[in-house]
Amino acid sequence: MVSVLISVAMVPMALTASSTPEFSVPSRVRLRDLFRRSPLGVAGVAAFDKAVLAYEPVWAIGTGKTATPAQAQEVHGLLRARIAEKDGNMGACLRILYGGSVKAANAAELFAMQDVDGGLVGGASLNGEEFRRICEAGRQQGS
């Protein structure tokens, strides 16, 4: 299965594609506004049926900075709860990835959070040993 990063404008196309849509959530958007403009607000909970949701704080992109595990959990928990309000099963089954500078040094702590289901790994994937250690952290946490 292939994951693709899509924008809200691409939701109708992604829902008809054979790939798994991946929705990226920018952190600078206030969460209450997010759901009006997100796939949840635009296409409803059905948009998440075969989706993978990724959260990456805007301030983490290209900076090497990472949210604390507690910060990541807080946002992931809010996202999951909001979707569960519409469909409890979907909220429980949806995979939500953290994408803000995941590294071998922080992967195990991030993946240990209840609502963090894995990582959207960027630059760290370019180093084979670093990426292997991130994958191992995911395997140990069951992500």
Protein backbone atom coordinates (compact mmCIF):
# COMPACT_ATOMS: atom_id res chain seq x y z
CA MET A 1 0.00 0.00 0.00
CA VAL A 2 1.31 3.47 -0.91
CA SER A 3 0.86 6.53 1.31
CA VAL A 4 0.59 9.93 -0.29
CA LEU A 5 0.55 13.36 1.30
CA ILE A 6 -2.52 15.25 0.17
CA SER A 7 -4.05 18.62 0.85
CA VAL A 8 -7.67 19.32 1.72
CA ALA A 9 -8.26 20.42 -1.88
CA MET A 10 -7.29 16.95 -3.07
CA VAL A 11 -9.67 15.02 -0.80
CA PRO A 12 -12.23 14.04 -3.47
CA MET A 13 -9.46 12.76 -5.75
CA ALA A 14 -7.69 10.92 -2.92
CA LEU A 15 -10.88 9.23 -1.81
CA THR A 16 -11.28 7.66 -5.22
CA ALA A 17 -7.61 6.70 -5.63
CA SER A 18 -6.32 3.25 -4.81
CA SER A 19 -3.60 4.58 -2.53
CA THR A 20 -3.93 5.32 1.18
CA PRO A 21 -4.40 9.06 1.67
CA GLU A 22 -2.23 10.70 4.31
CA PHE A 23 -3.51 13.94 5.78
CA SER A 24 -0.90 16.29 7.23
CA VAL A 25 -1.98 18.59 10.05
CA PRO A 26 -0.15 21.93 10.40
CA SER A 27 0.26 22.93 14.05
CA ARG A 28 -0.13 26.68 13.60
CA VAL A 29 -3.80 26.21 12.79
CA ARG A 30 -6.02 26.46 15.86
CA LEU A 31 -7.51 23.00 16.37
CA ARG A 32 -11.12 24.20 16.40
CA ASP A 33 -10.54 25.87 13.01
CA LEU A 34 -8.69 22.85 11.71
CA PHE A 35 -11.73 20.61 11.74
CA ARG A 36 -13.81 23.04 9.70
CA ARG A 37 -11.19 23.06 6.93
CA SER A 38 -9.84 19.52 7.29
CA PRO A 39 -10.96 16.38 5.48
CA LEU A 40 -13.16 15.71 8.52
CA GLY A 41 -14.97 19.01 8.02
CA VAL A 42 -15.00 18.87 4.22
CA ALA A 43 -15.66 15.20 3.43
CA GLY A 44 -16.74 13.86 6.81
CA VAL A 45 -15.36 11.00 8.83
CA ALA A 46 -15.48 8.71 5.78
CA ALA A 47 -12.40 10.56 4.50
CA PHE A 48 -10.38 8.78 7.17
CA ASP A 49 -11.55 5.24 6.39
CA LYS A 50 -8.27 4.13 4.82
CA ALA A 51 -6.17 7.16 5.71
CA VAL A 52 -3.04 7.67 7.72
CA LEU A 53 -3.00 11.00 9.56
CA ALA A 54 0.34 12.73 10.13
CA TYR A 55 0.93 15.60 12.55
CA GLU A 56 4.03 17.74 12.12
CA PRO A 57 4.46 20.99 14.02
CA VAL A 58 5.24 23.79 11.56
CA TRP A 59 8.07 24.96 13.80
CA ALA A 60 9.71 21.51 13.52
CA ILE A 61 9.94 21.43 9.72
CA GLY A 62 13.60 21.51 8.73
CA THR A 63 14.71 22.77 12.14
CA GLY A 64 15.67 19.56 13.89
CA LYS A 65 13.39 20.57 16.77
CA THR A 66 10.96 17.99 18.12
CA ALA A 67 7.85 18.27 20.26
CA THR A 68 8.16 16.63 23.65
CA PRO A 69 6.42 13.28 23.85
CA ALA A 70 3.75 14.94 26.02
CA GLN A 71 3.17 17.69 23.44
CA ALA A 72 2.87 15.13 20.63
CA GLN A 73 0.49 13.02 22.73
CA GLU A 74 -1.68 16.03 23.51
CA VAL A 75 -2.24 16.88 19.84
CA HIS A 76 -2.57 13.24 18.74
CA GLY A 77 -5.09 12.64 21.53
CA LEU A 78 -7.12 15.69 20.48
CA LEU A 79 -7.12 14.55 16.85
CA ARG A 80 -8.17 11.01 17.76
CA ALA A 81 -10.88 12.24 20.16
CA ARG A 82 -12.32 14.59 17.55
CA ILE A 83 -12.59 11.80 14.99
CA ALA A 84 -13.97 9.41 17.64
CA GLU A 85 -16.77 11.93 18.32
CA LYS A 86 -18.00 11.20 14.79
CA ASP A 87 -17.14 7.48 14.69
CA GLY A 88 -15.73 5.70 17.74
CA ASN A 89 -14.38 2.75 15.79
CA MET A 90 -12.66 5.02 13.28
CA GLY A 91 -11.10 7.04 16.09
CA ALA A 92 -9.75 3.87 17.70
CA CYS A 93 -8.40 2.36 14.47
CA LEU A 94 -6.95 5.46 12.76
CA ARG A 95 -3.15 5.50 12.57
CA ILE A 96 -1.73 8.88 13.56
CA LEU A 97 1.97 9.46 12.88
CA TYR A 98 4.24 12.10 14.40
CA GLY A 99 6.41 13.84 11.83
CA GLY A 100 8.43 16.54 13.60
CA SER A 101 12.11 15.62 13.38
CA VAL A 102 11.83 11.97 14.42
CA LYS A 103 15.31 10.67 15.24
CA ALA A 104 16.73 7.54 16.82
CA ALA A 105 17.33 9.53 20.01
CA ASN A 106 13.64 10.45 20.45
CA ALA A 107 11.74 7.75 18.55
CA ALA A 108 11.20 5.32 21.45
CA GLU A 109 9.81 8.05 23.73
CA LEU A 110 7.52 9.41 21.01
CA PHE A 111 6.30 5.97 19.94
CA ALA A 112 5.57 5.05 23.56
CA MET A 113 2.79 7.66 23.69
CA GLN A 114 -0.70 6.14 23.62
CA ASP A 115 -1.93 8.02 20.54
CA VAL A 116 1.33 8.18 18.57
CA ASP A 117 1.17 5.24 16.17
CA GLY A 118 4.49 5.75 14.43
CA GLY A 119 6.64 8.31 12.70
CA LEU A 120 6.73 10.21 9.47
CA VAL A 121 10.51 10.22 9.14
CA GLY A 122 12.21 12.87 7.04
CA GLY A 123 15.90 13.68 7.03
CA ALA A 124 16.81 10.93 9.50
CA SER A 125 15.83 8.38 6.85
CA LEU A 126 18.85 9.43 4.78
CA ASN A 127 21.22 7.82 7.29
CA GLY A 128 20.84 4.04 7.14
CA GLU A 129 21.91 3.35 10.73
CA GLU A 130 19.76 6.18 12.12
CA PHE A 131 16.74 4.95 10.17
CA ARG A 132 17.34 1.35 11.30
CA ARG A 133 17.34 2.49 14.94
CA ILE A 134 14.09 4.44 14.41
CA CYS A 135 12.50 1.35 12.86
CA GLU A 136 13.72 -0.75 15.77
CA ALA A 137 12.14 1.71 18.24
CA GLY A 138 8.88 1.39 16.32
CA ARG A 139 9.09 -2.38 16.33
CA GLN A 140 9.70 -2.45 20.09
CA GLN A 141 6.70 -0.18 20.72
CA GLY A 142 4.51 -2.07 18.27
CA SER A 143 4.13 0.99 16.00
